Amino acid sequence: MNSFTFIPATKEQAKARIALTGPTGSGKTYTALVIGTGVGDRIALIDTEHGSASKYADEFAFDTLPLTTFEPPALVEALAVAAHEGYDVVIVDSLSHFWSGSGGMLEQVDNAAKRVAGGNTFAGWREARPLERAMIDALLAYPGHLIATMRTKTEYVVEADERGRKVPRKVGLKPEQREGIEYEFDIVGDLDHDNTLVISKSRAKPLSGLVVRKPDAAFAEAVLDWLDAGKPTPSASDYLTTATAPHTTYEELRGLYEEVRRHNLLAAAVLDPAGGSTTLGELIVRRGTEAKKETAKASGQRGEAA
């Protein structure tokens, strides 16, 4: 007998999963703050750009966490803290540093290759890949809205201007991240040096293929309208409250684990009651083990009393 059961599909309310790509100077940080302000109230910005986002503090209200090294577990822990603090929106500016910056994935692979594989890069990837997967899963499972910026490599092309003169123009190429990273997000927008946003990938049908010059609050409102269309669902924070309640039983925790799994939130980064960073799935399993022991102990005491 198989254990698979198909259920009717329903449109559920969602949290933003947006990637903004573009060359340096295309307005990625500013656009992320415009969108973030439009979809949520409290904004946390994980700053990898030497405090550059704070230049916009006179226009937007947000809290910032400056980082100088970019190990993937550091981003997971930062997301856990942001979730614990209840931020509606997290902006990672930029995610590219967790790929090619100090301590990022490329460095992790290089270190792993030297440490365990005698310089074999393939084996280094096998060793380091789980760190990247845990980071991506934590991003996608954040209980609020998530906006990530990514640098694109740039080159210059020569084009004719309106007078027919040949002039150089800076264009962006692929994001500085692993191949295919854009497929992890619901909305991907490519920005050019004129701060024109082209939606290159979207699960939001009304936004697909949209071209927006200098995205503003109206664009953020269109994103929010799409996110809010559907059935309300619990967030990772709601499930965490249930998992850590003192009287939640083992059977309830088993059911909770399955519900969290169905909503793809097992990898959500959270803080446990002691303040340590973990995942929602790991916490539920740990609480389940504790509840099972408590039940067995209580049964034994009743047996002795009888």
C-alpha atoms as a PDB file:
ATOM      1  CA  MET A   1       0.000   0.000   0.000  1.00  0.00           C
ATOM      2  CA  ASN A   2       1.490   3.355  -0.994  1.00  0.00           C
ATOM      3  CA  SER A   3       1.523   6.413   1.259  1.00  0.00           C
ATOM      4  CA  PHE A   4       0.968   9.063  -1.418  1.00  0.00           C
ATOM      5  CA  THR A   5      -2.241  11.124  -1.406  1.00  0.00           C
ATOM      6  CA  PHE A   6      -3.176  13.774  -3.942  1.00  0.00           C
ATOM      7  CA  ILE A   7      -5.185  16.749  -2.658  1.00  0.00           C
ATOM      8  CA  PRO A   8      -6.884  19.627  -4.519  1.00  0.00           C
ATOM      9  CA  ALA A   9      -4.551  22.530  -5.298  1.00  0.00           C
ATOM     10  CA  THR A  10      -5.437  25.900  -3.764  1.00  0.00           C
ATOM     11  CA  LYS A  11      -4.017  29.392  -4.234  1.00  0.00           C
ATOM     12  CA  GLU A  12      -2.552  30.455  -0.916  1.00  0.00           C
ATOM     13  CA  GLN A  13      -1.376  33.829   0.268  1.00  0.00           C
ATOM     14  CA  ALA A  14       2.378  34.062  -0.046  1.00  0.00           C
ATOM     15  CA  LYS A  15       5.377  36.066   1.044  1.00  0.00           C
ATOM     16  CA  ALA A  16       7.521  37.843  -1.517  1.00  0.00           C
ATOM     17  CA  ARG A  17      10.512  35.945  -2.888  1.00  0.00           C
ATOM     18  CA  ILE A  18      12.119  38.526  -5.142  1.00  0.00           C
ATOM     19  CA  ALA A  19      15.551  38.708  -6.754  1.00  0.00           C
ATOM     20  CA  LEU A  20      16.841  41.962  -8.243  1.00  0.00           C
ATOM     21  CA  THR A  21      19.843  41.672 -10.537  1.00  0.00           C
ATOM     22  CA  GLY A  22      21.907  44.345 -12.222  1.00  0.00           C
ATOM     23  CA  PRO A  23      25.315  45.942 -12.623  1.00  0.00           C
ATOM     24  CA  THR A  24      26.831  48.296 -10.063  1.00  0.00           C
ATOM     25  CA  GLY A  25      24.957  51.599 -10.098  1.00  0.00           C
ATOM     26  CA  SER A  26      21.683  50.214 -11.466  1.00  0.00           C
ATOM     27  CA  GLY A  27      19.737  50.986  -8.278  1.00  0.00           C
ATOM     28  CA  LYS A  28      19.327  47.508  -6.815  1.00  0.00           C
ATOM     29  CA  THR A  29      19.492  48.597  -3.173  1.00  0.00           C
ATOM     30  CA  TYR A  30      17.182  51.569  -3.678  1.00  0.00           C
ATOM     31  CA  THR A  31      14.659  49.477  -5.617  1.00  0.00           C
ATOM     32  CA  ALA A  32      14.745  46.766  -2.943  1.00  0.00           C
ATOM     33  CA  LEU A  33      13.937  49.399  -0.304  1.00  0.00           C
ATOM     34  CA  VAL A  34      11.106  50.802  -2.436  1.00  0.00           C
ATOM     35  CA  ILE A  35       9.548  47.356  -2.786  1.00  0.00           C
ATOM     36  CA  GLY A  36      10.235  46.380   0.828  1.00  0.00           C
ATOM     37  CA  THR A  37       8.586  49.541   2.148  1.00  0.00           C
ATOM     38  CA  GLY A  38       5.562  48.852  -0.039  1.00  0.00           C
ATOM     39  CA  VAL A  39       4.985  45.264   1.123  1.00  0.00           C
ATOM     40  CA  GLY A  40       5.853  45.461   4.839  1.00  0.00           C
ATOM     41  CA  ASP A  41       6.330  47.753   7.820  1.00  0.00           C
ATOM     42  CA  ARG A  42       9.504  46.589   9.604  1.00  0.00           C
ATOM     43  CA  ILE A  43      12.492  46.065   7.325  1.00  0.00           C
ATOM     44  CA  ALA A  44      15.801  44.369   8.136  1.00  0.00           C
ATOM     45  CA  LEU A  45      18.626  44.803   5.641  1.00  0.00           C
ATOM     46  CA  ILE A  46      21.627  42.474   5.685  1.00  0.00           C
ATOM     47  CA  ASP A  47      24.352  44.769   4.361  1.00  0.00           C
ATOM     48  CA  THR A  48      27.366  43.271   2.592  1.00  0.00           C
ATOM     49  CA  GLU A  49      28.234  46.506   0.804  1.00  0.00           C
ATOM     50  CA  HIS A  50      30.238  48.327   3.509  1.00  0.00           C
ATOM     51  CA  GLY A  51      27.265  50.276   4.832  1.00  0.00           C
ATOM     52  CA  SER A  52      26.218  51.723   1.496  1.00  0.00           C
ATOM     53  CA  ALA A  53      22.504  51.092   2.126  1.00  0.00           C
ATOM     54  CA  SER A  54      22.557  53.521   5.057  1.00  0.00           C
ATOM     55  CA  LYS A  55      22.895  56.347   2.535  1.00  0.00           C
ATOM     56  CA  TYR A  56      19.152  55.907   1.998  1.00  0.00           C
ATOM     57  CA  ALA A  57      18.238  56.126   5.705  1.00  0.00           C
ATOM     58  CA  ASP A  58      16.838  59.628   5.146  1.00  0.00           C
ATOM     59  CA  GLU A  59      14.261  58.210   2.708  1.00  0.00           C
ATOM     60  CA  PHE A  60      13.430  54.804   4.202  1.00  0.00           C
ATOM     61  CA  ALA A  61      13.042  53.397   7.714  1.00  0.00           C
ATOM     62  CA  PHE A  62      14.975  50.163   8.144  1.00  0.00           C
ATOM     63  CA  ASP A  63      17.383  48.360  10.461  1.00  0.00           C
ATOM     64  CA  THR A  64      20.696  47.132   9.154  1.00  0.00           C
ATOM     65  CA  LEU A  65      23.115  44.321   9.957  1.00  0.00           C
ATOM     66  CA  PRO A  66      26.574  44.937   8.433  1.00  0.00           C
ATOM     67  CA  LEU A  67      28.583  41.808   7.592  1.00  0.00           C
ATOM     68  CA  THR A  68      32.225  41.613   6.548  1.00  0.00           C
ATOM     69  CA  THR A  69      32.553  37.862   5.953  1.00  0.00           C
ATOM     70  CA  PHE A  70      29.972  35.836   4.116  1.00  0.00           C
ATOM     71  CA  GLU A  71      29.914  32.200   5.222  1.00  0.00           C
ATOM     72  CA  PRO A  72      26.525  30.683   4.289  1.00  0.00           C
ATOM     73  CA  PRO A  73      25.758  29.655   7.921  1.00  0.00           C
ATOM     74  CA  ALA A  74      26.122  33.323   8.920  1.00  0.00           C
ATOM     75  CA  LEU A  75      23.238  34.245   6.606  1.00  0.00           C
ATOM     76  CA  VAL A  76      21.123  31.400   8.024  1.00  0.00           C
ATOM     77  CA  GLU A  77      21.734  32.685  11.556  1.00  0.00           C
ATOM     78  CA  ALA A  78      20.945  36.268  10.528  1.00  0.00           C
ATOM     79  CA  LEU A  79      17.643  35.091   9.049  1.00  0.00           C
ATOM     80  CA  ALA A  80      16.841  33.224  12.280  1.00  0.00           C
ATOM     81  CA  VAL A  81      17.440  36.389  14.314  1.00  0.00           C
ATOM     82  CA  ALA A  82      15.331  38.477  11.896  1.00  0.00           C
ATOM     83  CA  ALA A  83      12.486  35.966  12.173  1.00  0.00           C
ATOM     84  CA  HIS A  84      12.739  36.010  15.969  1.00  0.00           C
ATOM     85  CA  GLU A  85      12.609  39.816  15.956  1.00  0.00           C
ATOM     86  CA  GLY A  86       9.522  39.742  13.741  1.00  0.00           C
ATOM     87  CA  TYR A  87      10.737  41.713  10.730  1.00  0.00           C
ATOM     88  CA  ASP A  88       8.133  41.824   7.953  1.00  0.00           C
ATOM     89  CA  VAL A  89      10.784  42.139   5.246  1.00  0.00           C
ATOM     90  CA  VAL A  90      14.393  40.995   4.971  1.00  0.00           C
ATOM     91  CA  ILE A  91      16.598  42.432   2.226  1.00  0.00           C
ATOM     92  CA  VAL A  92      19.871  40.633   1.484  1.00  0.00           C
ATOM     93  CA  ASP A  93      22.070  43.212  -0.205  1.00  0.00           C
ATOM     94  CA  SER A  94      23.749  41.486  -1.843  1.00  0.00           C
ATOM     95  CA  LEU A  95      23.468  37.725  -2.131  1.00  0.00           C
ATOM     96  CA  SER A  96      26.428  37.739  -4.514  1.00  0.00           C
ATOM     97  CA  HIS A  97      28.853  38.118  -1.608  1.00  0.00           C
ATOM     98  CA  PHE A  98      27.728  34.759  -0.237  1.00  0.00           C
ATOM     99  CA  TRP A  99      28.944  33.306  -3.532  1.00  0.00           C
ATOM    100  CA  SER A 100      32.197  35.098  -4.335  1.00  0.00           C
ATOM    101  CA  GLY A 101      32.982  37.184  -1.246  1.00  0.00           C
ATOM    102  CA  SER A 102      35.208  36.409   1.742  1.00  0.00           C
ATOM    103  CA  GLY A 103      33.972  33.132   3.245  1.00  0.00           C
ATOM    104  CA  GLY A 104      31.419  32.661   0.445  1.00  0.00           C
ATOM    105  CA  MET A 105      30.660  29.479  -1.458  1.00  0.00           C
ATOM    106  CA  LEU A 106      33.613  29.635  -3.839  1.00  0.00           C
ATOM    107  CA  GLU A 107      35.977  29.988  -0.904  1.00  0.00           C
ATOM    108  CA  GLN A 108      34.164  27.213   0.982  1.00  0.00           C
ATOM    109  CA  VAL A 109      34.626  24.888  -1.983  1.00  0.00           C
ATOM    110  CA  ASP A 110      38.286  25.807  -2.337  1.00  0.00           C
ATOM    111  CA  ASN A 111      38.928  25.201   1.377  1.00  0.00           C
ATOM    112  CA  ALA A 112      37.047  21.890   1.331  1.00  0.00           C
ATOM    113  CA  ALA A 113      38.993  20.726  -1.719  1.00  0.00           C
ATOM    114  CA  LYS A 114      42.295  21.470   0.011  1.00  0.00           C
ATOM    115  CA  ARG A 115      41.197  20.020   3.352  1.00  0.00           C
ATOM    116  CA  VAL A 116      39.609  16.711   2.377  1.00  0.00           C
ATOM    117  CA  ALA A 117      40.321  16.070  -1.283  1.00  0.00           C
ATOM    118  CA  GLY A 118      43.896  17.051  -2.037  1.00  0.00           C
ATOM    119  CA  GLY A 119      42.757  19.957  -4.185  1.00  0.00           C
ATOM    120  CA  ASN A 120      39.999  18.053  -6.037  1.00  0.00           C
ATOM    121  CA  THR A 121      37.410  20.737  -6.796  1.00  0.00           C
ATOM    122  CA  PHE A 122      34.640  18.244  -7.573  1.00  0.00           C
ATOM    123  CA  ALA A 123      35.017  16.667  -4.155  1.00  0.00           C
ATOM    124  CA  GLY A 124      35.165  20.159  -2.649  1.00  0.00           C
ATOM    125  CA  TRP A 125      31.747  20.951  -4.129  1.00  0.00           C
ATOM    126  CA  ARG A 126      30.333  17.727  -2.729  1.00  0.00           C
ATOM    127  CA  GLU A 127      31.601  18.724   0.719  1.00  0.00           C
ATOM    128  CA  ALA A 128      30.399  22.346   0.602  1.00  0.00           C
ATOM    129  CA  ARG A 129      27.118  22.020  -1.330  1.00  0.00           C
ATOM    130  CA  PRO A 130      24.968  21.281   1.794  1.00  0.00           C
ATOM    131  CA  LEU A 131      25.961  24.694   3.194  1.00  0.00           C
ATOM    132  CA  GLU A 132      24.582  26.378   0.089  1.00  0.00           C
ATOM    133  CA  ARG A 133      21.403  24.308   0.100  1.00  0.00           C
ATOM    134  CA  ALA A 134      20.743  25.130   3.754  1.00  0.00           C
ATOM    135  CA  MET A 135      21.247  28.837   2.981  1.00  0.00           C
ATOM    136  CA  ILE A 136      18.868  28.835  -0.001  1.00  0.00           C
ATOM    137  CA  ASP A 137      16.251  26.828   1.912  1.00  0.00           C
ATOM    138  CA  ALA A 138      16.432  29.296   4.816  1.00  0.00           C
ATOM    139  CA  LEU A 139      15.969  32.223   2.418  1.00  0.00           C
ATOM    140  CA  LEU A 140      12.902  30.665   0.797  1.00  0.00           C
ATOM    141  CA  ALA A 141      11.374  29.658   4.156  1.00  0.00           C
ATOM    142  CA  TYR A 142      11.734  33.060   5.842  1.00  0.00           C
ATOM    143  CA  PRO A 143       8.373  33.865   7.541  1.00  0.00           C
ATOM    144  CA  GLY A 144       8.227  37.348   6.011  1.00  0.00           C
ATOM    145  CA  HIS A 145       9.008  38.869   2.635  1.00  0.00           C
ATOM    146  CA  LEU A 146      12.475  38.233   1.204  1.00  0.00           C
ATOM    147  CA  ILE A 147      14.237  40.420  -1.354  1.00  0.00           C
ATOM    148  CA  ALA A 148      17.748  39.551  -2.535  1.00  0.00           C
ATOM    149  CA  THR A 149      19.933  41.690  -4.756  1.00  0.00           C
ATOM    150  CA  MET A 150      22.602  40.164  -6.980  1.00  0.00           C
ATOM    151  CA  ARG A 151      25.373  41.841  -8.900  1.00  0.00           C
ATOM    152  CA  THR A 152      25.760  41.035 -12.544  1.00  0.00           C
ATOM    153  CA  LYS A 153      29.094  41.006 -14.301  1.00  0.00           C
ATOM    154  CA  THR A 154      29.329  43.923 -16.663  1.00  0.00           C
ATOM    155  CA  GLU A 155      30.751  44.651 -20.063  1.00  0.00           C
ATOM    156  CA  TYR A 156      30.544  47.528 -22.471  1.00  0.00           C
ATOM    157  CA  VAL A 157      28.816  47.387 -25.825  1.00  0.00           C
ATOM    158  CA  VAL A 158      29.030  50.048 -28.514  1.00  0.00           C
ATOM    159  CA  GLU A 159      25.692  51.281 -29.810  1.00  0.00           C
ATOM    160  CA  ALA A 160      24.434  54.143 -31.945  1.00  0.00           C
ATOM    161  CA  ASP A 161      22.733  56.967 -30.031  1.00  0.00           C
ATOM    162  CA  GLU A 162      19.785  59.047 -31.274  1.00  0.00           C
ATOM    163  CA  ARG A 163      22.184  61.076 -33.438  1.00  0.00           C
ATOM    164  CA  GLY A 164      23.796  58.030 -34.950  1.00  0.00           C
ATOM    165  CA  ARG A 165      27.024  58.398 -33.010  1.00  0.00           C
ATOM    166  CA  LYS A 166      28.791  55.309 -31.675  1.00  0.00           C
ATOM    167  CA  VAL A 167      28.772  55.412 -27.849  1.00  0.00           C
ATOM    168  CA  PRO A 168      29.680  52.808 -25.221  1.00  0.00           C
ATOM    169  CA  ARG A 169      26.973  51.507 -22.896  1.00  0.00           C
ATOM    170  CA  LYS A 170      27.447  49.368 -19.754  1.00  0.00           C
ATOM    171  CA  VAL A 171      25.274  46.232 -19.678  1.00  0.00           C
ATOM    172  CA  GLY A 172      24.809  43.478 -17.112  1.00  0.00           C
ATOM    173  CA  LEU A 173      25.338  39.808 -17.803  1.00  0.00           C
ATOM    174  CA  LYS A 174      24.699  36.780 -15.554  1.00  0.00           C
ATOM    175  CA  PRO A 175      24.273  37.266 -11.805  1.00  0.00           C
ATOM    176  CA  GLU A 176      27.314  36.574  -9.634  1.00  0.00           C
ATOM    177  CA  GLN A 177      25.753  33.497  -8.088  1.00  0.00           C
ATOM    178  CA  ARG A 178      25.423  29.844  -8.938  1.00  0.00           C
ATOM    179  CA  GLU A 179      23.903  28.895 -12.281  1.00  0.00           C
ATOM    180  CA  GLY A 180      20.109  28.767 -12.125  1.00  0.00           C
ATOM    181  CA  ILE A 181      19.715  30.631  -8.806  1.00  0.00           C
ATOM    182  CA  GLU A 182      16.950  32.750 -10.341  1.00  0.00           C
ATOM    183  CA  TYR A 183      14.638  29.723 -10.523  1.00  0.00           C
ATOM    184  CA  GLU A 184      14.467  29.681  -6.717  1.00  0.00           C
ATOM    185  CA  PHE A 185      12.556  33.001  -6.665  1.00  0.00           C
ATOM    186  CA  ASP A 186       8.962  33.831  -7.604  1.00  0.00           C
ATOM    187  CA  ILE A 187       9.860  37.162  -9.206  1.00  0.00           C
ATOM    188  CA  VAL A 188      13.164  38.080 -10.854  1.00  0.00           C
ATOM    189  CA  GLY A 189      13.750  41.623 -12.052  1.00  0.00           C
ATOM    190  CA  ASP A 190      16.739  42.787 -14.103  1.00  0.00           C
ATOM    191  CA  LEU A 191      17.799  46.410 -13.654  1.00  0.00           C
ATOM    192  CA  ASP A 192      19.877  48.369 -16.126  1.00  0.00           C
ATOM    193  CA  HIS A 193      22.034  51.449 -15.574  1.00  0.00           C
ATOM    194  CA  ASP A 194      19.004  53.709 -16.122  1.00  0.00           C
ATOM    195  CA  ASN A 195      17.138  51.960 -13.258  1.00  0.00           C
ATOM    196  CA  THR A 196      14.685  50.370 -15.671  1.00  0.00           C
ATOM    197  CA  LEU A 197      13.318  47.096 -14.292  1.00  0.00           C
ATOM    198  CA  VAL A 198      12.477  44.216 -16.638  1.00  0.00           C
ATOM    199  CA  ILE A 199      10.641  41.279 -15.064  1.00  0.00           C
ATOM    200  CA  SER A 200      12.463  38.350 -16.654  1.00  0.00           C
ATOM    201  CA  LYS A 201      10.799  35.603 -14.610  1.00  0.00           C
ATOM    202  CA  SER A 202       7.562  35.695 -12.668  1.00  0.00           C
ATOM    203  CA  ARG A 203       5.029  33.325 -11.153  1.00  0.00           C
ATOM    204  CA  ALA A 204       2.828  36.401 -10.778  1.00  0.00           C
ATOM    205  CA  LYS A 205       0.973  36.487 -14.098  1.00  0.00           C
ATOM    206  CA  PRO A 206       0.089  40.230 -13.913  1.00  0.00           C
ATOM    207  CA  LEU A 207       3.803  41.084 -13.589  1.00  0.00           C
ATOM    208  CA  SER A 208       5.215  38.754 -16.227  1.00  0.00           C
ATOM    209  CA  GLY A 209       7.293  40.617 -18.829  1.00  0.00           C
ATOM    210  CA  LEU A 210       6.617  43.994 -17.223  1.00  0.00           C
ATOM    211  CA  VAL A 211       9.016  46.859 -17.977  1.00  0.00           C
ATOM    212  CA  VAL A 212       9.065  49.576 -15.303  1.00  0.00           C
ATOM    213  CA  ARG A 213      11.209  52.700 -15.471  1.00  0.00           C
ATOM    214  CA  LYS A 214      12.291  53.676 -11.932  1.00  0.00           C
ATOM    215  CA  PRO A 215      10.043  51.281  -9.946  1.00  0.00           C
ATOM    216  CA  ASP A 216       7.958  53.063  -7.315  1.00  0.00           C
ATOM    217  CA  ALA A 217       5.251  52.382  -4.733  1.00  0.00           C
ATOM    218  CA  ALA A 218       2.757  51.463  -7.460  1.00  0.00           C
ATOM    219  CA  PHE A 219       4.937  48.521  -8.512  1.00  0.00           C
ATOM    220  CA  ALA A 220       5.248  47.388  -4.873  1.00  0.00           C
ATOM    221  CA  GLU A 221       1.453  47.572  -4.558  1.00  0.00           C
ATOM    222  CA  ALA A 222       1.036  45.345  -7.627  1.00  0.00           C
ATOM    223  CA  VAL A 223       3.376  42.785  -6.041  1.00  0.00           C
ATOM    224  CA  LEU A 224       1.427  42.898  -2.776  1.00  0.00           C
ATOM    225  CA  ASP A 225      -1.922  42.482  -4.566  1.00  0.00           C
ATOM    226  CA  TRP A 226      -0.671  39.241  -6.129  1.00  0.00           C
ATOM    227  CA  LEU A 227       0.768  37.951  -2.852  1.00  0.00           C
ATOM    228  CA  ASP A 228      -2.426  38.625  -0.891  1.00  0.00           C
ATOM    229  CA  ALA A 229      -4.734  36.904  -3.402  1.00  0.00           C
ATOM    230  CA  GLY A 230      -5.443  33.513  -1.854  1.00  0.00           C
ATOM    231  CA  LYS A 231      -6.118  31.545   1.274  1.00  0.00           C
ATOM    232  CA  PRO A 232      -4.307  32.668   4.466  1.00  0.00           C
ATOM    233  CA  THR A 233      -1.776  30.138   5.791  1.00  0.00           C
ATOM    234  CA  PRO A 234       0.321  29.926   8.973  1.00  0.00           C
ATOM    235  CA  SER A 235       3.917  31.130   8.817  1.00  0.00           C
ATOM    236  CA  ALA A 236       7.064  29.562  10.242  1.00  0.00           C
ATOM    237  CA  SER A 237       6.683  31.866  13.256  1.00  0.00           C
ATOM    238  CA  ASP A 238       3.170  30.531  13.906  1.00  0.00           C
ATOM    239  CA  TYR A 239       4.414  26.946  13.735  1.00  0.00           C
ATOM    240  CA  LEU A 240       7.327  27.816  16.037  1.00  0.00           C
ATOM    241  CA  THR A 241       4.905  29.085  18.689  1.00  0.00           C
ATOM    242  CA  THR A 242       3.009  25.781  18.583  1.00  0.00           C
ATOM    243  CA  ALA A 243       6.195  23.692  18.596  1.00  0.00           C
ATOM    244  CA  THR A 244       7.602  25.423  21.671  1.00  0.00           C
ATOM    245  CA  ALA A 245       4.364  25.527  23.683  1.00  0.00           C
ATOM    246  CA  PRO A 246       5.030  23.574  26.927  1.00  0.00           C
ATOM    247  CA  HIS A 247       2.038  21.233  26.672  1.00  0.00           C
ATOM    248  CA  THR A 248       2.220  20.280  22.972  1.00  0.00           C
ATOM    249  CA  THR A 249       2.062  16.480  22.848  1.00  0.00           C
ATOM    250  CA  TYR A 250       4.168  14.049  20.874  1.00  0.00           C
ATOM    251  CA  GLU A 251       1.254  13.218  18.540  1.00  0.00           C
ATOM    252  CA  GLU A 252       0.556  16.908  17.982  1.00  0.00           C
ATOM    253  CA  LEU A 253       4.210  17.480  17.132  1.00  0.00           C
ATOM    254  CA  ARG A 254       4.138  14.594  14.643  1.00  0.00           C
ATOM    255  CA  GLY A 255       1.154  16.168  12.917  1.00  0.00           C
ATOM    256  CA  LEU A 256       2.819  19.576  13.055  1.00  0.00           C
ATOM    257  CA  TYR A 257       5.958  18.203  11.388  1.00  0.00           C
ATOM    258  CA  GLU A 258       3.902  16.836   8.483  1.00  0.00           C
ATOM    259  CA  GLU A 259       2.020  20.110   8.064  1.00  0.00           C
ATOM    260  CA  VAL A 260       5.268  22.102   8.092  1.00  0.00           C
ATOM    261  CA  ARG A 261       6.757  19.671   5.554  1.00  0.00           C
ATOM    262  CA  ARG A 262       3.778  20.149   3.222  1.00  0.00           C
ATOM    263  CA  HIS A 263       4.338  23.903   3.320  1.00  0.00           C
ATOM    264  CA  ASN A 264       8.093  23.530   2.625  1.00  0.00           C
ATOM    265  CA  LEU A 265       9.049  25.214   5.896  1.00  0.00           C
ATOM    266  CA  LEU A 266      11.182  22.520   7.535  1.00  0.00           C
ATOM    267  CA  ALA A 267      14.334  24.472   6.613  1.00  0.00           C
ATOM    268  CA  ALA A 268      13.080  27.788   8.027  1.00  0.00           C
ATOM    269  CA  ALA A 269      15.826  29.313  10.190  1.00  0.00           C
ATOM    270  CA  VAL A 270      14.606  29.935  13.758  1.00  0.00           C
ATOM    271  CA  LEU A 271      16.005  30.515  17.227  1.00  0.00           C
ATOM    272  CA  ASP A 272      15.361  27.788  19.787  1.00  0.00           C
ATOM    273  CA  PRO A 273      14.273  28.673  23.376  1.00  0.00           C
ATOM    274  CA  ALA A 274      17.950  28.859  24.417  1.00  0.00           C
ATOM    275  CA  GLY A 275      18.688  31.409  21.663  1.00  0.00           C
ATOM    276  CA  GLY A 276      20.583  29.046  19.373  1.00  0.00           C
ATOM    277  CA  SER A 277      20.103  29.008  15.599  1.00  0.00           C
ATOM    278  CA  THR A 278      18.397  25.906  14.212  1.00  0.00           C
ATOM    279  CA  THR A 279      15.751  24.965  11.646  1.00  0.00           C
ATOM    280  CA  LEU A 280      12.054  24.615  12.307  1.00  0.00           C
ATOM    281  CA  GLY A 281      12.162  20.938  11.303  1.00  0.00           C
ATOM    282  CA  GLU A 282      15.054  20.155  13.641  1.00  0.00           C
ATOM    283  CA  LEU A 283      13.353  21.965  16.504  1.00  0.00           C
ATOM    284  CA  ILE A 284      10.088  20.053  16.050  1.00  0.00           C
ATOM    285  CA  VAL A 285      11.983  16.734  15.981  1.00  0.00           C
ATOM    286  CA  ARG A 286      13.871  17.668  19.138  1.00  0.00           C
ATOM    287  CA  ARG A 287      10.672  18.742  20.894  1.00  0.00           C
ATOM    288  CA  GLY A 288       9.007  15.526  19.750  1.00  0.00           C
ATOM    289  CA  THR A 289      11.789  13.446  21.281  1.00  0.00           C
ATOM    290  CA  GLU A 290      11.462  15.368  24.549  1.00  0.00           C
ATOM    291  CA  ALA A 291       7.651  14.976  24.570  1.00  0.00           C
ATOM    292  CA  LYS A 292       7.939  11.233  23.922  1.00  0.00           C
ATOM    293  CA  LYS A 293      10.324  10.825  26.867  1.00  0.00           C
ATOM    294  CA  GLU A 294       8.004  12.863  29.094  1.00  0.00           C
ATOM    295  CA  THR A 295       5.054  10.678  28.088  1.00  0.00           C
ATOM    296  CA  ALA A 296       7.005   7.482  28.805  1.00  0.00           C
ATOM    297  CA  LYS A 297       8.145   8.829  32.151  1.00  0.00           C
ATOM    298  CA  ALA A 298       4.612   9.801  33.131  1.00  0.00           C
ATOM    299  CA  SER A 299       3.322   6.343  32.107  1.00  0.00           C
ATOM    300  CA  GLY A 300       6.011   4.697  34.244  1.00  0.00           C
ATOM    301  CA  GLN A 301       5.124   6.798  37.268  1.00  0.00           C
ATOM    302  CA  ARG A 302       1.441   5.887  36.882  1.00  0.00           C
ATOM    303  CA  GLY A 303       2.412   2.236  36.663  1.00  0.00           C
ATOM    304  CA  GLU A 304       4.427   2.450  39.876  1.00  0.00           C
ATOM    305  CA  ALA A 305       1.572   4.220  41.635  1.00  0.00           C
ATOM    306  CA  ALA A 306      -0.828   1.431  40.601  1.00  0.00           C
END
